[in-house]
């Protein structure tokens, strides 16, 4: 696709065709919402779950509640509502936002 900006200077824009990072269930939302359904998921990650990651398996093996890790690990997406948990975003000097409390929750599950 070729676009002209307001000054008449050309810009080249390319659409991502294949994504290699997320489970197909998650990628399909992005594909439908932003890529007119044209984004594809690579076969290597299409059905990957958290439990297939070695460090998640190691945590499950070392944890007393292995069943919990196995259940969570089989999910392609895990949503945790942190509203009202006193986990507020911080903004750094560059304007980037981060939330250490939410990052800590992620690190306990992944």
N, C-alpha and C. Protein backbone atom coordinates (compact mmCIF):
# COMPACT_ATOMS: atom_id res chain seq x y z
N UNK A 1 0.83 -1.16 0.00
CA UNK A 1 0.00 0.00 0.00
C UNK A 1 0.89 1.23 0.00
N UNK A 2 0.54 2.21 -0.78
CA UNK A 2 1.30 3.45 -0.86
C UNK A 2 0.40 4.59 -0.44
N UNK A 3 0.88 5.45 0.46
CA UNK A 3 0.06 6.55 0.94
C UNK A 3 0.81 7.86 0.76
N UNK A 4 0.06 8.95 0.56
CA UNK A 4 0.62 10.29 0.54
C UNK A 4 0.27 10.96 1.85
N UNK A 5 1.24 11.62 2.49
CA UNK A 5 0.88 12.36 3.70
C UNK A 5 0.42 13.76 3.31
N UNK A 6 0.07 14.57 4.29
CA UNK A 6 -0.50 15.89 4.01
C UNK A 6 0.47 16.81 3.29
N UNK A 7 1.76 16.55 3.32
CA UNK A 7 2.75 17.39 2.65
C UNK A 7 3.08 16.86 1.26
N UNK A 8 2.44 15.79 0.86
CA UNK A 8 2.70 15.23 -0.45
C UNK A 8 3.93 14.34 -0.51
N UNK A 9 4.54 14.06 0.62
CA UNK A 9 5.70 13.19 0.66
C UNK A 9 5.20 11.76 0.83
N UNK A 10 5.68 10.86 -0.03
CA UNK A 10 5.20 9.48 0.01
C UNK A 10 5.69 8.70 1.21
N UNK A 11 4.86 7.80 1.68
CA UNK A 11 5.21 6.88 2.76
C UNK A 11 4.81 5.49 2.33
N UNK A 12 5.64 4.53 2.67
CA UNK A 12 5.31 3.14 2.37
C UNK A 12 4.80 2.50 3.65
N UNK A 13 3.73 1.78 3.53
CA UNK A 13 3.13 1.12 4.67
C UNK A 13 2.93 -0.34 4.31
N UNK A 14 3.31 -1.25 5.21
CA UNK A 14 3.14 -2.68 4.96
C UNK A 14 2.36 -3.31 6.09
N UNK A 15 1.50 -4.21 5.74
CA UNK A 15 0.70 -4.89 6.74
C UNK A 15 1.40 -6.16 7.20
N UNK A 16 1.37 -6.38 8.50
CA UNK A 16 1.86 -7.63 9.06
C UNK A 16 0.95 -8.74 8.56
N UNK A 17 1.52 -9.77 8.00
CA UNK A 17 0.71 -10.88 7.45
C UNK A 17 0.66 -12.09 8.38
N UNK A 18 1.78 -12.38 9.06
CA UNK A 18 1.86 -13.55 9.93
C UNK A 18 2.43 -13.11 11.27
N UNK A 19 1.79 -13.53 12.35
CA UNK A 19 2.31 -13.22 13.68
C UNK A 19 2.83 -14.51 14.30
N UNK A 20 3.87 -14.37 15.12
CA UNK A 20 4.59 -15.52 15.67
C UNK A 20 4.60 -15.56 17.20
N UNK A 21 3.76 -14.78 17.87
CA UNK A 21 3.87 -14.64 19.32
C UNK A 21 2.72 -15.19 20.12
N UNK A 22 1.50 -15.10 19.61
CA UNK A 22 0.37 -15.43 20.47
C UNK A 22 -0.52 -16.53 19.93
N UNK A 23 -1.23 -17.16 20.83
CA UNK A 23 -2.19 -18.21 20.51
C UNK A 23 -3.20 -17.66 19.50
N UNK A 24 -3.67 -18.51 18.66
CA UNK A 24 -4.59 -18.11 17.61
C UNK A 24 -5.87 -17.47 18.16
N UNK A 25 -6.35 -17.94 19.31
CA UNK A 25 -7.56 -17.36 19.91
C UNK A 25 -7.38 -15.88 20.21
N UNK A 26 -6.20 -15.50 20.65
CA UNK A 26 -5.91 -14.10 20.96
C UNK A 26 -5.66 -13.32 19.67
N UNK A 27 -4.88 -13.89 18.79
CA UNK A 27 -4.53 -13.22 17.53
C UNK A 27 -5.75 -12.97 16.65
N UNK A 28 -6.74 -13.85 16.73
CA UNK A 28 -7.93 -13.66 15.90
C UNK A 28 -8.65 -12.37 16.23
N UNK A 29 -8.65 -11.99 17.51
CA UNK A 29 -9.28 -10.71 17.88
C UNK A 29 -8.55 -9.56 17.18
N UNK A 30 -7.22 -9.54 17.30
CA UNK A 30 -6.43 -8.48 16.66
C UNK A 30 -6.64 -8.49 15.15
N UNK A 31 -6.68 -9.67 14.58
CA UNK A 31 -6.86 -9.79 13.13
C UNK A 31 -8.20 -9.18 12.70
N UNK A 32 -9.26 -9.54 13.40
CA UNK A 32 -10.58 -9.03 13.04
C UNK A 32 -10.71 -7.54 13.31
N UNK A 33 -10.17 -7.09 14.45
CA UNK A 33 -10.33 -5.70 14.86
C UNK A 33 -9.46 -4.73 14.07
N UNK A 34 -8.26 -5.17 13.64
CA UNK A 34 -7.33 -4.22 13.05
C UNK A 34 -6.78 -4.59 11.68
N UNK A 35 -6.99 -5.84 11.25
CA UNK A 35 -6.39 -6.29 10.00
C UNK A 35 -7.41 -6.87 9.03
N UNK A 36 -8.68 -6.51 9.20
CA UNK A 36 -9.75 -7.00 8.31
C UNK A 36 -9.75 -8.53 8.21
N UNK A 37 -9.33 -9.22 9.29
CA UNK A 37 -9.32 -10.67 9.30
C UNK A 37 -8.20 -11.30 8.50
N UNK A 38 -7.22 -10.51 8.08
CA UNK A 38 -6.17 -11.00 7.19
C UNK A 38 -4.90 -11.45 7.91
N UNK A 39 -4.79 -11.22 9.22
CA UNK A 39 -3.60 -11.63 9.97
C UNK A 39 -3.65 -13.13 10.24
N UNK A 40 -2.57 -13.81 9.94
CA UNK A 40 -2.49 -15.26 10.17
C UNK A 40 -1.55 -15.56 11.32
N UNK A 41 -1.75 -16.71 11.94
CA UNK A 41 -0.89 -17.14 13.04
C UNK A 41 -0.02 -18.29 12.56
N UNK A 42 1.27 -18.21 12.85
CA UNK A 42 2.21 -19.26 12.46
C UNK A 42 1.86 -20.57 13.16
N UNK A 43 2.07 -21.68 12.49
CA UNK A 43 1.75 -23.01 13.02
C UNK A 43 2.44 -23.30 14.36
N UNK A 44 3.66 -22.79 14.54
CA UNK A 44 4.43 -23.07 15.77
C UNK A 44 3.75 -22.53 17.02
N UNK A 45 2.99 -21.43 16.90
CA UNK A 45 2.38 -20.82 18.09
C UNK A 45 0.85 -20.90 18.09
N UNK A 46 0.29 -21.39 17.03
CA UNK A 46 -1.16 -21.40 16.85
C UNK A 46 -1.93 -21.99 18.03
N UNK A 47 -1.43 -23.05 18.61
CA UNK A 47 -2.13 -23.73 19.70
C UNK A 47 -1.30 -23.81 20.98
N UNK A 48 -0.26 -23.01 21.06
CA UNK A 48 0.63 -23.04 22.22
C UNK A 48 -0.06 -22.47 23.46
N UNK A 49 0.12 -23.17 24.57
CA UNK A 49 -0.42 -22.71 25.84
C UNK A 49 0.74 -22.38 26.78
N UNK A 50 0.43 -21.73 27.88
CA UNK A 50 1.47 -21.40 28.84
C UNK A 50 2.18 -22.64 29.36
N UNK A 51 1.43 -23.72 29.58
CA UNK A 51 2.01 -24.92 30.17
C UNK A 51 3.04 -25.58 29.26
N UNK A 52 3.06 -25.25 27.99
CA UNK A 52 4.07 -25.80 27.09
C UNK A 52 5.42 -25.10 27.24
N UNK A 53 5.45 -24.00 27.97
CA UNK A 53 6.70 -23.30 28.20
C UNK A 53 7.44 -23.99 29.34
N UNK A 54 8.72 -24.28 29.14
CA UNK A 54 9.49 -25.07 30.09
C UNK A 54 9.48 -24.49 31.50
N UNK A 55 9.65 -23.17 31.63
CA UNK A 55 9.70 -22.59 32.97
C UNK A 55 8.36 -22.69 33.69
N UNK A 56 7.25 -22.74 32.97
CA UNK A 56 5.94 -22.93 33.60
C UNK A 56 5.82 -24.37 34.08
N UNK A 57 6.29 -25.32 33.28
CA UNK A 57 6.27 -26.73 33.69
C UNK A 57 7.13 -26.94 34.93
N UNK A 58 8.28 -26.29 34.99
CA UNK A 58 9.17 -26.42 36.15
C UNK A 58 8.51 -25.86 37.40
N UNK A 59 7.82 -24.73 37.27
CA UNK A 59 7.11 -24.16 38.42
C UNK A 59 6.01 -25.11 38.88
N UNK A 60 5.31 -25.71 37.95
CA UNK A 60 4.23 -26.63 38.29
C UNK A 60 4.79 -27.84 39.03
N UNK A 61 5.91 -28.36 38.58
CA UNK A 61 6.50 -29.54 39.20
C UNK A 61 6.98 -29.22 40.63
N UNK A 62 7.45 -28.00 40.85
CA UNK A 62 7.97 -27.62 42.16
C UNK A 62 6.88 -27.12 43.11
N UNK A 63 5.71 -26.85 42.57
CA UNK A 63 4.63 -26.26 43.36
C UNK A 63 3.76 -27.34 43.98
N UNK A 64 3.31 -27.10 45.20
CA UNK A 64 2.44 -28.06 45.88
C UNK A 64 1.09 -28.21 45.19
N UNK A 65 0.60 -27.14 44.58
CA UNK A 65 -0.70 -27.20 43.91
C UNK A 65 -0.49 -27.33 42.40
N UNK A 66 0.11 -28.43 42.00
CA UNK A 66 0.40 -28.67 40.58
C UNK A 66 -0.88 -28.61 39.74
N UNK A 67 -1.99 -29.04 40.31
CA UNK A 67 -3.26 -29.02 39.57
C UNK A 67 -3.62 -27.60 39.14
N UNK A 68 -3.39 -26.62 40.03
CA UNK A 68 -3.69 -25.23 39.70
C UNK A 68 -2.82 -24.76 38.53
N UNK A 69 -1.53 -25.07 38.59
CA UNK A 69 -0.64 -24.67 37.50
C UNK A 69 -1.02 -25.36 36.19
N UNK A 70 -1.40 -26.61 36.26
CA UNK A 70 -1.80 -27.33 35.06
C UNK A 70 -3.04 -26.70 34.45
N UNK A 71 -4.02 -26.36 35.28
CA UNK A 71 -5.25 -25.73 34.79
C UNK A 71 -4.95 -24.37 34.17
N UNK A 72 -4.19 -23.54 34.87
CA UNK A 72 -3.83 -22.22 34.35
C UNK A 72 -2.99 -22.36 33.09
N UNK A 73 -2.06 -23.29 33.11
CA UNK A 73 -1.15 -23.47 31.99
C UNK A 73 -1.82 -23.92 30.71
N UNK A 74 -2.97 -24.57 30.82
CA UNK A 74 -3.68 -25.03 29.63
C UNK A 74 -4.44 -23.90 28.95
N UNK A 75 -4.58 -22.79 29.64
CA UNK A 75 -5.32 -21.65 29.09
C UNK A 75 -4.49 -20.93 28.03
N UNK A 76 -5.17 -20.41 27.02
CA UNK A 76 -4.47 -19.58 26.03
C UNK A 76 -4.47 -18.12 26.49
N UNK A 77 -5.36 -17.78 27.42
CA UNK A 77 -5.47 -16.42 27.92
C UNK A 77 -5.98 -16.49 29.36
N UNK A 78 -5.35 -15.75 30.24
CA UNK A 78 -5.77 -15.70 31.64
C UNK A 78 -5.98 -14.23 32.00
N UNK A 79 -7.20 -13.87 32.38
CA UNK A 79 -7.50 -12.50 32.77
C UNK A 79 -7.70 -12.46 34.28
N UNK A 80 -7.04 -11.51 34.93
CA UNK A 80 -7.16 -11.34 36.36
C UNK A 80 -7.58 -9.89 36.60
N UNK A 81 -8.71 -9.70 37.24
CA UNK A 81 -9.22 -8.36 37.53
C UNK A 81 -8.49 -7.81 38.75
N UNK A 82 -7.70 -6.77 38.54
CA UNK A 82 -6.94 -6.17 39.64
C UNK A 82 -7.56 -4.86 40.12
N UNK A 83 -8.75 -4.54 39.64
CA UNK A 83 -9.42 -3.31 40.07
C UNK A 83 -9.65 -3.38 41.58
N UNK A 84 -9.36 -2.30 42.26
CA UNK A 84 -9.57 -2.24 43.70
C UNK A 84 -8.50 -2.96 44.51
N UNK A 85 -7.42 -3.38 43.87
CA UNK A 85 -6.35 -4.12 44.56
C UNK A 85 -5.16 -3.24 44.88
N UNK A 86 -5.34 -1.93 44.79
CA UNK A 86 -4.27 -0.97 45.08
C UNK A 86 -3.02 -1.22 44.23
N UNK A 87 -3.26 -1.51 42.97
CA UNK A 87 -2.16 -1.70 42.02
C UNK A 87 -2.27 -0.60 40.96
N UNK A 88 -1.59 0.49 41.22
CA UNK A 88 -1.71 1.65 40.34
C UNK A 88 -0.57 1.73 39.35
N UNK A 89 -0.86 2.30 38.19
CA UNK A 89 0.17 2.49 37.17
C UNK A 89 1.12 3.61 37.59
N UNK A 90 2.35 3.46 37.17
CA UNK A 90 3.36 4.49 37.36
C UNK A 90 3.78 4.96 35.98
N UNK A 91 4.08 6.24 35.84
CA UNK A 91 4.53 6.79 34.57
C UNK A 91 5.97 7.24 34.75
N UNK A 92 6.85 6.75 33.84
CA UNK A 92 8.25 7.16 33.96
C UNK A 92 8.48 8.47 33.20
N UNK A 93 9.71 8.97 33.22
CA UNK A 93 10.04 10.26 32.61
C UNK A 93 9.76 10.29 31.11
N UNK A 94 9.85 9.14 30.46
CA UNK A 94 9.59 9.07 29.02
C UNK A 94 8.10 8.97 28.69
N UNK A 95 7.27 8.84 29.73
CA UNK A 95 5.83 8.74 29.50
C UNK A 95 5.32 7.32 29.41
N UNK A 96 6.21 6.32 29.56
CA UNK A 96 5.78 4.92 29.52
C UNK A 96 5.09 4.56 30.83
N UNK A 97 4.04 3.77 30.72
CA UNK A 97 3.29 3.35 31.90
C UNK A 97 3.68 1.92 32.27
N UNK A 98 3.73 1.65 33.56
CA UNK A 98 3.99 0.29 34.04
C UNK A 98 3.29 0.09 35.36
N UNK A 99 3.07 -1.18 35.70
CA UNK A 99 2.36 -1.51 36.92
C UNK A 99 3.07 -2.68 37.58
N UNK A 100 3.86 -2.39 38.59
CA UNK A 100 4.66 -3.43 39.24
C UNK A 100 3.80 -4.50 39.91
N UNK A 101 2.68 -4.10 40.49
CA UNK A 101 1.79 -5.07 41.13
C UNK A 101 1.26 -6.10 40.14
N UNK A 102 0.84 -5.63 38.97
CA UNK A 102 0.34 -6.56 37.96
C UNK A 102 1.48 -7.42 37.42
N UNK A 103 2.67 -6.85 37.27
CA UNK A 103 3.82 -7.62 36.81
C UNK A 103 4.15 -8.74 37.80
N UNK A 104 4.02 -8.47 39.07
CA UNK A 104 4.28 -9.50 40.09
C UNK A 104 3.28 -10.66 39.97
N UNK A 105 2.02 -10.33 39.70
CA UNK A 105 1.02 -11.39 39.51
C UNK A 105 1.39 -12.25 38.31
N UNK A 106 1.77 -11.62 37.22
CA UNK A 106 2.16 -12.37 36.02
C UNK A 106 3.32 -13.29 36.34
N UNK A 107 4.32 -12.78 37.06
CA UNK A 107 5.51 -13.60 37.33
C UNK A 107 5.19 -14.81 38.20
N UNK A 108 4.13 -14.76 38.99
CA UNK A 108 3.78 -15.94 39.78
C UNK A 108 3.09 -17.01 38.96
N UNK A 109 2.52 -16.64 37.83
CA UNK A 109 1.81 -17.60 37.00
C UNK A 109 2.58 -18.05 35.77
N UNK A 110 3.55 -17.28 35.36
CA UNK A 110 4.30 -17.61 34.14
C UNK A 110 5.74 -17.85 34.46
